[in-house]
Amino acid sequence: MTKPPSLTRIRRILAATVILAILGLNAAKLLQGKPLTESDLISIPIALITFFNVFTWNSSEEERDEMGVSIATESASLSYYAMLVVLLLLFLIGEWRERGSGSIDHELLFAALCVGMVLQPCIEWWMARKYR
């Protein structure tokens, strides 16, 4: 059973309003010269996740059907590799800016990159064991 168009429209208007409110409040804070806190910064990706989810799927049935599962699987794989590239670039830029020290200056970023590189092959191995 699909949702009536009016309910989908209400969800989309609400999601757009929330993202605009969060971005507006953060912009106002910056214009006033106040620093953004961690909660301000984490609210932006959470709102964007909600926004894109609402505009991607019209119903929960659409999200769970065969094409929805295929889209989710393909996008998860692509986003994994995109995240690794971004982590690598951030690490290289950070190390380039601190060049000459002879040691790794961004240990946590380097650890996240290493974990990210090992995570997918490890999970694939674990999932393949279930079918043997």
C-alpha atoms as a PDB file:
ATOM      1  CA  MET A   1       0.000   0.000   0.000  1.00  0.00           C
ATOM      2  CA  THR A   2       1.508   3.307  -1.039  1.00  0.00           C
ATOM      3  CA  LYS A   3       1.156   6.504   0.920  1.00  0.00           C
ATOM      4  CA  PRO A   4      -1.231   9.131  -0.363  1.00  0.00           C
ATOM      5  CA  PRO A   5       0.519  11.890  -2.329  1.00  0.00           C
ATOM      6  CA  SER A   6      -0.426  14.468   0.283  1.00  0.00           C
ATOM      7  CA  LEU A   7       1.403  12.571   3.047  1.00  0.00           C
ATOM      8  CA  THR A   8       4.526  12.285   0.879  1.00  0.00           C
ATOM      9  CA  ARG A   9       4.303  15.989   0.101  1.00  0.00           C
ATOM     10  CA  ILE A  10       3.958  16.834   3.821  1.00  0.00           C
ATOM     11  CA  ARG A  11       7.005  14.682   4.671  1.00  0.00           C
ATOM     12  CA  ARG A  12       9.053  16.418   1.979  1.00  0.00           C
ATOM     13  CA  ILE A  13       7.977  19.916   3.030  1.00  0.00           C
ATOM     14  CA  LEU A  14       8.766  19.077   6.666  1.00  0.00           C
ATOM     15  CA  ALA A  15      12.207  17.676   5.760  1.00  0.00           C
ATOM     16  CA  ALA A  16      13.038  20.728   3.633  1.00  0.00           C
ATOM     17  CA  THR A  17      11.878  23.069   6.416  1.00  0.00           C
ATOM     18  CA  VAL A  18      14.006  21.288   9.020  1.00  0.00           C
ATOM     19  CA  ILE A  19      17.166  21.357   6.876  1.00  0.00           C
ATOM     20  CA  LEU A  20      16.651  25.038   6.059  1.00  0.00           C
ATOM     21  CA  ALA A  21      16.082  25.814   9.752  1.00  0.00           C
ATOM     22  CA  ILE A  22      19.256  23.980  10.814  1.00  0.00           C
ATOM     23  CA  LEU A  23      21.350  25.598   8.094  1.00  0.00           C
ATOM     24  CA  GLY A  24      19.815  29.004   8.868  1.00  0.00           C
ATOM     25  CA  LEU A  25      20.476  28.720  12.606  1.00  0.00           C
ATOM     26  CA  ASN A  26      24.066  27.648  11.998  1.00  0.00           C
ATOM     27  CA  ALA A  27      24.594  30.461   9.474  1.00  0.00           C
ATOM     28  CA  ALA A  28      23.132  32.987  11.940  1.00  0.00           C
ATOM     29  CA  LYS A  29      25.473  31.698  14.633  1.00  0.00           C
ATOM     30  CA  LEU A  30      28.464  32.145  12.318  1.00  0.00           C
ATOM     31  CA  LEU A  31      27.353  35.640  11.290  1.00  0.00           C
ATOM     32  CA  GLN A  32      27.129  36.614  14.954  1.00  0.00           C
ATOM     33  CA  GLY A  33      30.730  35.491  15.383  1.00  0.00           C
ATOM     34  CA  LYS A  34      29.868  32.547  17.629  1.00  0.00           C
ATOM     35  CA  PRO A  35      31.688  29.255  17.078  1.00  0.00           C
ATOM     36  CA  LEU A  36      29.753  26.181  15.977  1.00  0.00           C
ATOM     37  CA  THR A  37      29.650  23.449  18.610  1.00  0.00           C
ATOM     38  CA  GLU A  38      29.863  19.705  17.989  1.00  0.00           C
ATOM     39  CA  SER A  39      26.087  19.417  18.221  1.00  0.00           C
ATOM     40  CA  ASP A  40      25.711  22.133  15.582  1.00  0.00           C
ATOM     41  CA  LEU A  41      28.125  20.327  13.293  1.00  0.00           C
ATOM     42  CA  ILE A  42      26.568  16.864  13.763  1.00  0.00           C
ATOM     43  CA  SER A  43      23.054  18.236  13.188  1.00  0.00           C
ATOM     44  CA  ILE A  44      23.911  19.115   9.584  1.00  0.00           C
ATOM     45  CA  PRO A  45      24.716  15.553   8.384  1.00  0.00           C
ATOM     46  CA  ILE A  46      21.789  14.120  10.372  1.00  0.00           C
ATOM     47  CA  ALA A  47      19.413  16.584   8.724  1.00  0.00           C
ATOM     48  CA  LEU A  48      20.923  15.862   5.296  1.00  0.00           C
ATOM     49  CA  ILE A  49      20.533  12.104   5.822  1.00  0.00           C
ATOM     50  CA  THR A  50      16.874  12.601   6.665  1.00  0.00           C
ATOM     51  CA  PHE A  51      16.375  14.997   3.760  1.00  0.00           C
ATOM     52  CA  PHE A  52      17.857  12.640   1.163  1.00  0.00           C
ATOM     53  CA  ASN A  53      16.054   9.625   2.620  1.00  0.00           C
ATOM     54  CA  VAL A  54      12.681  11.383   2.393  1.00  0.00           C
ATOM     55  CA  PHE A  55      13.310  12.469  -1.201  1.00  0.00           C
ATOM     56  CA  THR A  56      14.745   9.093  -2.305  1.00  0.00           C
ATOM     57  CA  TRP A  57      11.967   6.764  -1.148  1.00  0.00           C
ATOM     58  CA  ASN A  58       8.273   7.476  -1.617  1.00  0.00           C
ATOM     59  CA  SER A  59       7.257   4.622   0.673  1.00  0.00           C
ATOM     60  CA  SER A  60       8.785   1.955   2.881  1.00  0.00           C
ATOM     61  CA  GLU A  61       7.550  -0.672   0.414  1.00  0.00           C
ATOM     62  CA  GLU A  62       9.518   0.993  -2.369  1.00  0.00           C
ATOM     63  CA  GLU A  63      12.617   0.920  -0.169  1.00  0.00           C
ATOM     64  CA  ARG A  64      12.234  -2.827   0.517  1.00  0.00           C
ATOM     65  CA  ASP A  65      11.385  -4.063  -2.987  1.00  0.00           C
ATOM     66  CA  GLU A  66      13.991  -5.659  -5.252  1.00  0.00           C
ATOM     67  CA  MET A  67      15.030  -2.443  -6.983  1.00  0.00           C
ATOM     68  CA  GLY A  68      15.247  -0.595  -3.647  1.00  0.00           C
ATOM     69  CA  VAL A  69      17.509  -3.279  -2.191  1.00  0.00           C
ATOM     70  CA  SER A  70      19.666  -3.166  -5.336  1.00  0.00           C
ATOM     71  CA  ILE A  71      19.938   0.633  -5.136  1.00  0.00           C
ATOM     72  CA  ALA A  72      20.857   0.476  -1.439  1.00  0.00           C
ATOM     73  CA  THR A  73      23.497  -2.230  -1.996  1.00  0.00           C
ATOM     74  CA  GLU A  74      25.085  -0.458  -4.947  1.00  0.00           C
ATOM     75  CA  SER A  75      25.125   2.917  -3.212  1.00  0.00           C
ATOM     76  CA  ALA A  76      26.617   1.391  -0.037  1.00  0.00           C
ATOM     77  CA  SER A  77      29.472  -0.101  -2.026  1.00  0.00           C
ATOM     78  CA  LEU A  78      30.104   3.129  -3.923  1.00  0.00           C
ATOM     79  CA  SER A  79      29.941   5.252  -0.773  1.00  0.00           C
ATOM     80  CA  TYR A  80      32.423   2.932   0.963  1.00  0.00           C
ATOM     81  CA  TYR A  81      35.025   3.533  -1.737  1.00  0.00           C
ATOM     82  CA  ALA A  82      34.243   7.253  -1.889  1.00  0.00           C
ATOM     83  CA  MET A  83      34.742   7.465   1.885  1.00  0.00           C
ATOM     84  CA  LEU A  84      38.118   5.727   1.589  1.00  0.00           C
ATOM     85  CA  VAL A  85      39.234   8.189  -1.089  1.00  0.00           C
ATOM     86  CA  VAL A  86      38.122  11.151   1.052  1.00  0.00           C
ATOM     87  CA  LEU A  87      39.912   9.747   4.127  1.00  0.00           C
ATOM     88  CA  LEU A  88      43.067   9.189   2.084  1.00  0.00           C
ATOM     89  CA  LEU A  89      42.935  12.723   0.675  1.00  0.00           C
ATOM     90  CA  LEU A  90      42.348  14.234   4.122  1.00  0.00           C
ATOM     91  CA  PHE A  91      45.235  12.243   5.536  1.00  0.00           C
ATOM     92  CA  LEU A  92      47.585  13.190   2.685  1.00  0.00           C
ATOM     93  CA  ILE A  93      46.623  16.877   2.884  1.00  0.00           C
ATOM     94  CA  GLY A  94      47.134  16.869   6.657  1.00  0.00           C
ATOM     95  CA  GLU A  95      50.511  15.187   6.358  1.00  0.00           C
ATOM     96  CA  TRP A  96      51.572  17.491   3.523  1.00  0.00           C
ATOM     97  CA  ARG A  97      50.743  20.537   5.639  1.00  0.00           C
ATOM     98  CA  GLU A  98      52.862  19.145   8.483  1.00  0.00           C
ATOM     99  CA  ARG A  99      55.666  17.858   6.213  1.00  0.00           C
ATOM    100  CA  GLY A 100      59.142  17.527   7.542  1.00  0.00           C
ATOM    101  CA  SER A 101      58.240  16.184  10.987  1.00  0.00           C
ATOM    102  CA  GLY A 102      59.167  12.598  10.038  1.00  0.00           C
ATOM    103  CA  SER A 103      56.247  11.031  11.905  1.00  0.00           C
ATOM    104  CA  ILE A 104      52.530  10.594  11.399  1.00  0.00           C
ATOM    105  CA  ASP A 105      50.843  13.642  12.895  1.00  0.00           C
ATOM    106  CA  HIS A 106      47.216  12.580  12.434  1.00  0.00           C
ATOM    107  CA  GLU A 107      47.090   9.189  14.126  1.00  0.00           C
ATOM    108  CA  LEU A 108      43.303   8.987  14.474  1.00  0.00           C
ATOM    109  CA  LEU A 109      42.716   9.856  10.827  1.00  0.00           C
ATOM    110  CA  PHE A 110      45.339   7.307   9.813  1.00  0.00           C
ATOM    111  CA  ALA A 111      43.687   4.680  12.054  1.00  0.00           C
ATOM    112  CA  ALA A 112      40.266   5.429  10.490  1.00  0.00           C
ATOM    113  CA  LEU A 113      41.794   5.021   7.023  1.00  0.00           C
ATOM    114  CA  CYS A 114      43.382   1.679   7.966  1.00  0.00           C
ATOM    115  CA  VAL A 115      40.184   0.366   9.565  1.00  0.00           C
ATOM    116  CA  GLY A 116      38.197   1.480   6.531  1.00  0.00           C
ATOM    117  CA  MET A 117      40.535  -0.367   4.176  1.00  0.00           C
ATOM    118  CA  VAL A 118      40.287  -3.618   6.149  1.00  0.00           C
ATOM    119  CA  LEU A 119      36.588  -3.439   7.030  1.00  0.00           C
ATOM    120  CA  GLN A 120      34.949  -4.530   3.768  1.00  0.00           C
ATOM    121  CA  PRO A 121      37.219  -7.533   3.044  1.00  0.00           C
ATOM    122  CA  CYS A 122      36.815  -8.654   6.660  1.00  0.00           C
ATOM    123  CA  ILE A 123      33.018  -8.430   6.532  1.00  0.00           C
ATOM    124  CA  GLU A 124      32.948 -10.176   3.131  1.00  0.00           C
ATOM    125  CA  TRP A 125      34.984 -13.040   4.618  1.00  0.00           C
ATOM    126  CA  TRP A 126      32.634 -13.240   7.606  1.00  0.00           C
ATOM    127  CA  MET A 127      29.511 -13.196   5.398  1.00  0.00           C
ATOM    128  CA  ALA A 128      30.970 -15.826   3.031  1.00  0.00           C
ATOM    129  CA  ARG A 129      31.542 -18.157   6.000  1.00  0.00           C
ATOM    130  CA  LYS A 130      27.784 -18.195   6.636  1.00  0.00           C
ATOM    131  CA  TYR A 131      27.194 -19.779   3.214  1.00  0.00           C
ATOM    132  CA  ARG A 132      29.861 -22.480   3.414  1.00  0.00           C
END
